[in-house]
N, C-alpha and C. Protein backbone atom coordinates (compact mmCIF):
# COMPACT_ATOMS: atom_id res chain seq x y z
N MET A 1 -18.72 32.22 -49.29
CA MET A 1 -19.58 31.50 -50.16
C MET A 1 -18.99 30.14 -50.47
N ARG A 2 -19.89 29.25 -50.63
CA ARG A 2 -19.47 27.90 -50.95
C ARG A 2 -19.50 27.70 -52.45
N ARG A 3 -18.59 26.92 -52.84
CA ARG A 3 -18.58 26.58 -54.26
C ARG A 3 -19.48 25.37 -54.49
N GLN A 4 -20.18 25.41 -55.51
CA GLN A 4 -21.05 24.30 -55.86
C GLN A 4 -20.21 23.21 -56.51
N GLY A 5 -20.50 21.97 -56.15
CA GLY A 5 -19.82 20.86 -56.79
C GLY A 5 -18.55 20.41 -56.08
N LYS A 6 -18.02 21.17 -55.17
CA LYS A 6 -16.80 20.76 -54.48
C LYS A 6 -17.15 20.55 -53.01
N LYS A 7 -16.86 19.34 -52.52
CA LYS A 7 -17.13 19.00 -51.13
C LYS A 7 -15.95 19.41 -50.26
N GLU A 8 -16.26 19.86 -49.07
CA GLU A 8 -15.18 20.17 -48.13
C GLU A 8 -14.73 18.87 -47.47
N SER A 9 -13.43 18.70 -47.29
CA SER A 9 -12.93 17.49 -46.66
C SER A 9 -12.51 17.79 -45.22
N GLY A 10 -12.43 16.71 -44.39
CA GLY A 10 -12.02 16.87 -43.01
C GLY A 10 -13.19 16.68 -42.06
N PHE A 11 -12.88 16.77 -40.78
CA PHE A 11 -13.89 16.59 -39.74
C PHE A 11 -14.27 17.94 -39.16
N SER A 12 -15.50 18.02 -38.71
CA SER A 12 -15.93 19.25 -38.05
C SER A 12 -15.48 19.21 -36.59
N LEU A 13 -15.51 20.32 -35.95
CA LEU A 13 -15.11 20.42 -34.54
C LEU A 13 -16.02 19.57 -33.66
N ILE A 14 -17.29 19.53 -33.96
CA ILE A 14 -18.24 18.73 -33.18
C ILE A 14 -17.89 17.24 -33.28
N GLU A 15 -17.55 16.76 -34.44
CA GLU A 15 -17.19 15.35 -34.62
C GLU A 15 -15.92 14.99 -33.83
N ILE A 16 -14.97 15.86 -33.82
CA ILE A 16 -13.73 15.62 -33.06
C ILE A 16 -14.01 15.59 -31.57
N ILE A 17 -14.81 16.52 -31.07
CA ILE A 17 -15.12 16.57 -29.63
C ILE A 17 -15.89 15.33 -29.21
N VAL A 18 -16.88 14.92 -29.99
CA VAL A 18 -17.66 13.72 -29.66
C VAL A 18 -16.75 12.48 -29.65
N THR A 19 -15.86 12.37 -30.61
CA THR A 19 -14.92 11.24 -30.65
C THR A 19 -14.03 11.23 -29.42
N LEU A 20 -13.51 12.37 -29.02
CA LEU A 20 -12.66 12.44 -27.82
C LEU A 20 -13.42 12.05 -26.56
N ILE A 21 -14.66 12.46 -26.47
CA ILE A 21 -15.47 12.11 -25.29
C ILE A 21 -15.71 10.61 -25.25
N ILE A 22 -16.03 10.01 -26.38
CA ILE A 22 -16.26 8.55 -26.43
C ILE A 22 -14.99 7.80 -26.06
N VAL A 23 -13.85 8.22 -26.59
CA VAL A 23 -12.57 7.57 -26.26
C VAL A 23 -12.25 7.72 -24.78
N ALA A 24 -12.53 8.86 -24.20
CA ALA A 24 -12.27 9.08 -22.77
C ALA A 24 -13.15 8.18 -21.91
N VAL A 25 -14.42 8.05 -22.26
CA VAL A 25 -15.33 7.20 -21.48
C VAL A 25 -14.91 5.73 -21.59
N VAL A 26 -14.60 5.27 -22.77
CA VAL A 26 -14.16 3.88 -22.96
C VAL A 26 -12.84 3.64 -22.22
N GLY A 27 -11.92 4.57 -22.29
CA GLY A 27 -10.65 4.43 -21.57
C GLY A 27 -10.85 4.37 -20.07
N THR A 28 -11.75 5.21 -19.56
CA THR A 28 -12.02 5.19 -18.12
C THR A 28 -12.64 3.87 -17.70
N LEU A 29 -13.55 3.34 -18.48
CA LEU A 29 -14.16 2.05 -18.17
C LEU A 29 -13.13 0.92 -18.19
N LEU A 30 -12.28 0.92 -19.19
CA LEU A 30 -11.24 -0.11 -19.26
C LEU A 30 -10.26 -0.01 -18.09
N PHE A 31 -9.85 1.19 -17.75
CA PHE A 31 -8.93 1.37 -16.64
C PHE A 31 -9.57 0.90 -15.34
N THR A 32 -10.83 1.24 -15.12
CA THR A 32 -11.52 0.84 -13.90
C THR A 32 -11.66 -0.67 -13.83
N PHE A 33 -11.97 -1.30 -14.94
CA PHE A 33 -12.15 -2.74 -14.98
C PHE A 33 -10.83 -3.48 -14.80
N LEU A 34 -9.78 -3.04 -15.45
CA LEU A 34 -8.50 -3.75 -15.43
C LEU A 34 -7.64 -3.44 -14.22
N ARG A 35 -7.90 -2.35 -13.53
CA ARG A 35 -7.06 -1.96 -12.40
C ARG A 35 -7.04 -3.05 -11.33
N GLY A 36 -8.14 -3.71 -11.08
CA GLY A 36 -8.20 -4.75 -10.06
C GLY A 36 -7.47 -6.01 -10.44
N THR A 37 -7.26 -6.26 -11.71
CA THR A 37 -6.59 -7.49 -12.13
C THR A 37 -5.11 -7.30 -12.44
N VAL A 38 -4.71 -6.12 -12.81
CA VAL A 38 -3.32 -5.90 -13.18
C VAL A 38 -2.43 -5.85 -11.94
N VAL A 39 -2.85 -5.19 -10.89
CA VAL A 39 -2.02 -5.05 -9.70
C VAL A 39 -1.79 -6.40 -9.01
N PRO A 40 -2.84 -7.21 -8.73
CA PRO A 40 -2.58 -8.49 -8.06
C PRO A 40 -1.92 -9.54 -8.95
N SER A 41 -1.75 -9.28 -10.22
CA SER A 41 -1.15 -10.28 -11.10
C SER A 41 0.31 -10.55 -10.75
N SER A 42 0.93 -9.68 -10.00
CA SER A 42 2.33 -9.90 -9.61
C SER A 42 2.44 -10.83 -8.41
N GLU A 43 1.35 -11.04 -7.69
CA GLU A 43 1.41 -11.88 -6.50
C GLU A 43 1.86 -13.31 -6.79
N PRO A 44 1.36 -13.99 -7.85
CA PRO A 44 1.87 -15.33 -8.12
C PRO A 44 3.37 -15.37 -8.40
N VAL A 45 3.90 -14.32 -8.96
CA VAL A 45 5.34 -14.26 -9.23
C VAL A 45 6.11 -14.22 -7.90
N PHE A 46 5.63 -13.39 -6.97
CA PHE A 46 6.30 -13.31 -5.67
C PHE A 46 6.13 -14.61 -4.88
N MET A 47 4.97 -15.25 -5.00
CA MET A 47 4.76 -16.53 -4.32
C MET A 47 5.69 -17.60 -4.86
N ALA A 48 5.88 -17.63 -6.17
CA ALA A 48 6.79 -18.60 -6.78
C ALA A 48 8.23 -18.33 -6.35
N LYS A 49 8.59 -17.07 -6.24
CA LYS A 49 9.95 -16.71 -5.80
C LYS A 49 10.16 -17.15 -4.35
N ASP A 50 9.17 -16.90 -3.48
CA ASP A 50 9.27 -17.33 -2.09
C ASP A 50 9.36 -18.85 -1.98
N LEU A 51 8.59 -19.55 -2.79
CA LEU A 51 8.62 -21.00 -2.76
C LEU A 51 9.97 -21.52 -3.23
N ALA A 52 10.54 -20.91 -4.24
CA ALA A 52 11.86 -21.31 -4.72
C ALA A 52 12.93 -21.10 -3.64
N GLU A 53 12.83 -19.99 -2.92
CA GLU A 53 13.78 -19.73 -1.82
C GLU A 53 13.63 -20.78 -0.72
N ALA A 54 12.39 -21.11 -0.37
CA ALA A 54 12.15 -22.11 0.68
C ALA A 54 12.64 -23.48 0.22
N GLN A 55 12.44 -23.82 -1.04
CA GLN A 55 12.92 -25.11 -1.56
C GLN A 55 14.44 -25.17 -1.55
N ALA A 56 15.08 -24.07 -1.85
CA ALA A 56 16.55 -24.05 -1.83
C ALA A 56 17.07 -24.31 -0.41
N ILE A 57 16.43 -23.71 0.57
CA ILE A 57 16.84 -23.93 1.96
C ILE A 57 16.58 -25.38 2.37
N MET A 58 15.42 -25.93 1.94
CA MET A 58 15.11 -27.32 2.29
C MET A 58 16.07 -28.28 1.61
N GLU A 59 16.52 -27.96 0.40
CA GLU A 59 17.50 -28.81 -0.27
C GLU A 59 18.83 -28.80 0.47
N GLU A 60 19.20 -27.65 1.03
CA GLU A 60 20.41 -27.61 1.86
C GLU A 60 20.25 -28.51 3.08
N ASN A 61 19.07 -28.49 3.70
CA ASN A 61 18.81 -29.36 4.85
C ASN A 61 18.84 -30.83 4.43
N ALA A 62 18.30 -31.14 3.28
CA ALA A 62 18.32 -32.52 2.80
C ALA A 62 19.75 -32.99 2.55
N ALA A 63 20.61 -32.11 2.07
CA ALA A 63 22.02 -32.46 1.86
C ALA A 63 22.71 -32.74 3.19
N VAL A 64 22.40 -31.94 4.20
CA VAL A 64 22.98 -32.17 5.53
C VAL A 64 22.48 -33.51 6.08
N TYR A 65 21.19 -33.79 5.90
CA TYR A 65 20.62 -35.06 6.37
C TYR A 65 21.24 -36.23 5.63
N SER A 66 21.52 -36.06 4.36
CA SER A 66 22.18 -37.11 3.58
C SER A 66 23.58 -37.40 4.13
N LYS A 67 24.27 -36.35 4.56
CA LYS A 67 25.58 -36.55 5.20
C LYS A 67 25.44 -37.33 6.50
N TYR A 68 24.36 -37.07 7.24
CA TYR A 68 24.10 -37.80 8.48
C TYR A 68 23.86 -39.27 8.17
N LEU A 69 23.09 -39.56 7.14
CA LEU A 69 22.79 -40.94 6.78
C LEU A 69 24.03 -41.68 6.28
N SER A 70 24.92 -40.97 5.59
CA SER A 70 26.13 -41.62 5.08
C SER A 70 27.22 -41.77 6.14
N GLY A 71 27.04 -41.13 7.29
CA GLY A 71 28.00 -41.28 8.37
C GLY A 71 28.98 -40.13 8.49
N ASP A 72 28.90 -39.15 7.62
CA ASP A 72 29.80 -38.00 7.72
C ASP A 72 29.49 -37.16 8.97
N ILE A 73 28.23 -37.15 9.37
CA ILE A 73 27.83 -36.51 10.62
C ILE A 73 27.43 -37.63 11.56
N ASP A 74 28.13 -37.72 12.71
CA ASP A 74 27.96 -38.88 13.59
C ASP A 74 26.80 -38.73 14.57
N ASP A 75 26.62 -37.55 15.06
CA ASP A 75 25.72 -37.36 16.20
C ASP A 75 24.41 -36.71 15.75
N TRP A 76 23.31 -37.14 16.37
CA TRP A 76 21.99 -36.55 16.11
C TRP A 76 21.97 -35.07 16.49
N GLY A 77 22.62 -34.73 17.57
CA GLY A 77 22.70 -33.34 18.00
C GLY A 77 23.47 -32.47 17.02
N GLU A 78 24.52 -33.05 16.43
CA GLU A 78 25.28 -32.31 15.41
C GLU A 78 24.42 -32.06 14.18
N LEU A 79 23.60 -33.05 13.83
CA LEU A 79 22.67 -32.86 12.71
C LEU A 79 21.70 -31.73 13.02
N LYS A 80 21.14 -31.74 14.23
CA LYS A 80 20.20 -30.68 14.61
C LYS A 80 20.86 -29.32 14.57
N SER A 81 22.09 -29.22 15.04
CA SER A 81 22.75 -27.92 15.04
C SER A 81 23.09 -27.48 13.62
N SER A 82 23.38 -28.43 12.75
CA SER A 82 23.65 -28.08 11.36
C SER A 82 22.39 -27.55 10.68
N LEU A 83 21.25 -28.14 11.00
CA LEU A 83 20.00 -27.67 10.44
C LEU A 83 19.59 -26.34 11.04
N THR A 84 19.94 -26.11 12.29
CA THR A 84 19.59 -24.85 12.93
C THR A 84 20.31 -23.68 12.29
N ALA A 85 21.49 -23.94 11.69
CA ALA A 85 22.24 -22.86 11.06
C ALA A 85 21.51 -22.30 9.85
N THR A 86 20.58 -23.09 9.30
CA THR A 86 19.81 -22.62 8.17
C THR A 86 18.79 -21.60 8.63
N LYS A 87 18.60 -20.56 7.87
CA LYS A 87 17.74 -19.46 8.31
C LYS A 87 16.27 -19.77 8.11
N LYS A 88 15.44 -19.07 8.88
CA LYS A 88 13.99 -19.05 8.74
C LYS A 88 13.38 -20.43 8.87
N GLU A 89 13.60 -21.08 9.97
CA GLU A 89 12.99 -22.39 10.15
C GLU A 89 12.56 -22.59 11.60
N VAL A 90 11.66 -23.49 11.79
CA VAL A 90 11.19 -23.88 13.11
C VAL A 90 11.39 -25.38 13.21
N GLN A 91 11.94 -25.83 14.34
CA GLN A 91 12.17 -27.26 14.50
C GLN A 91 11.42 -27.77 15.71
N ASP A 92 10.83 -28.94 15.57
CA ASP A 92 10.20 -29.64 16.68
C ASP A 92 10.72 -31.07 16.66
N GLU A 93 11.11 -31.55 17.84
CA GLU A 93 11.58 -32.92 17.92
C GLU A 93 10.50 -33.73 18.61
N ILE A 94 10.14 -34.84 17.98
CA ILE A 94 9.08 -35.70 18.49
C ILE A 94 9.74 -37.02 18.90
N GLU A 95 9.47 -37.45 20.12
CA GLU A 95 9.97 -38.74 20.59
C GLU A 95 8.79 -39.63 20.90
N ASP A 96 8.88 -40.89 20.53
CA ASP A 96 7.82 -41.82 20.90
C ASP A 96 8.33 -42.76 21.98
N GLU A 97 7.55 -43.78 22.31
CA GLU A 97 7.93 -44.65 23.42
C GLU A 97 9.11 -45.56 23.10
N TYR A 98 9.52 -45.65 21.85
CA TYR A 98 10.63 -46.51 21.46
C TYR A 98 11.95 -45.74 21.34
N ASP A 99 11.97 -44.50 21.84
CA ASP A 99 13.15 -43.63 21.78
C ASP A 99 13.58 -43.42 20.32
N PHE A 100 12.61 -43.27 19.48
CA PHE A 100 12.83 -43.01 18.06
C PHE A 100 12.56 -41.53 17.83
N LYS A 101 13.56 -40.80 17.38
CA LYS A 101 13.43 -39.35 17.26
C LYS A 101 13.09 -38.95 15.83
N ILE A 102 12.16 -38.03 15.74
CA ILE A 102 11.78 -37.46 14.45
C ILE A 102 11.94 -35.95 14.57
N LEU A 103 12.62 -35.38 13.63
CA LEU A 103 12.83 -33.94 13.62
C LEU A 103 11.98 -33.35 12.50
N GLU A 104 11.04 -32.50 12.88
CA GLU A 104 10.21 -31.83 11.89
C GLU A 104 10.80 -30.44 11.65
N VAL A 105 11.10 -30.17 10.41
CA VAL A 105 11.67 -28.88 10.03
C VAL A 105 10.67 -28.19 9.11
N THR A 106 10.23 -27.02 9.51
CA THR A 106 9.32 -26.22 8.70
C THR A 106 10.03 -24.94 8.31
N ILE A 107 10.09 -24.69 7.03
CA ILE A 107 10.74 -23.49 6.53
C ILE A 107 9.66 -22.56 6.01
N SER A 108 9.64 -21.35 6.52
CA SER A 108 8.69 -20.34 6.08
C SER A 108 9.46 -19.24 5.36
N PHE A 109 9.00 -18.93 4.18
CA PHE A 109 9.61 -17.84 3.42
C PHE A 109 8.48 -17.08 2.77
N GLY A 110 8.25 -15.87 3.22
CA GLY A 110 7.10 -15.11 2.73
C GLY A 110 5.82 -15.79 3.19
N ASP A 111 4.93 -16.07 2.27
CA ASP A 111 3.69 -16.77 2.58
C ASP A 111 3.80 -18.26 2.35
N GLN A 112 4.95 -18.75 1.95
CA GLN A 112 5.11 -20.15 1.60
C GLN A 112 5.77 -20.92 2.75
N LYS A 113 5.31 -22.16 2.95
CA LYS A 113 5.89 -23.02 3.98
C LYS A 113 6.16 -24.39 3.40
N ILE A 114 7.28 -24.96 3.80
CA ILE A 114 7.64 -26.33 3.42
C ILE A 114 8.05 -27.06 4.69
N SER A 115 7.53 -28.27 4.85
CA SER A 115 7.88 -29.09 6.02
C SER A 115 8.52 -30.38 5.57
N ALA A 116 9.43 -30.87 6.39
CA ALA A 116 10.07 -32.16 6.13
C ALA A 116 10.30 -32.86 7.46
N LEU A 117 10.28 -34.18 7.43
CA LEU A 117 10.56 -34.98 8.62
C LEU A 117 11.89 -35.69 8.42
N PHE A 118 12.75 -35.56 9.41
CA PHE A 118 14.04 -36.25 9.39
C PHE A 118 14.06 -37.21 10.57
N THR A 119 14.42 -38.48 10.33
CA THR A 119 14.40 -39.48 11.40
C THR A 119 15.82 -39.84 11.79
N GLN A 120 15.92 -40.36 13.02
CA GLN A 120 17.25 -40.71 13.55
C GLN A 120 17.70 -42.02 12.98
């Protein structure tokens, strides 16, 4: 028997079940919506890391080229071999009709590429 004048406190079982179902549906919708954006969000971080690695290698090449310009490295071939020691690069030498040599160095690291031209 119920007492008159005194209200029962708390939630009924039906109210708790309905609340759990609503929370589950909202959670499922949020997870489905955010799953596509959370996973690829790390890609810019990896791209920046790859670019930093490629820039570090290119800075080493620029330092070697600076030595060539200052006279510490005498020969063009020695410069090319010094640049070849650097990892992950492709070199193409372009000669024009004036016997002017240009060395194109492209450094690829991950999905990032950096190119530089070094002249004789």
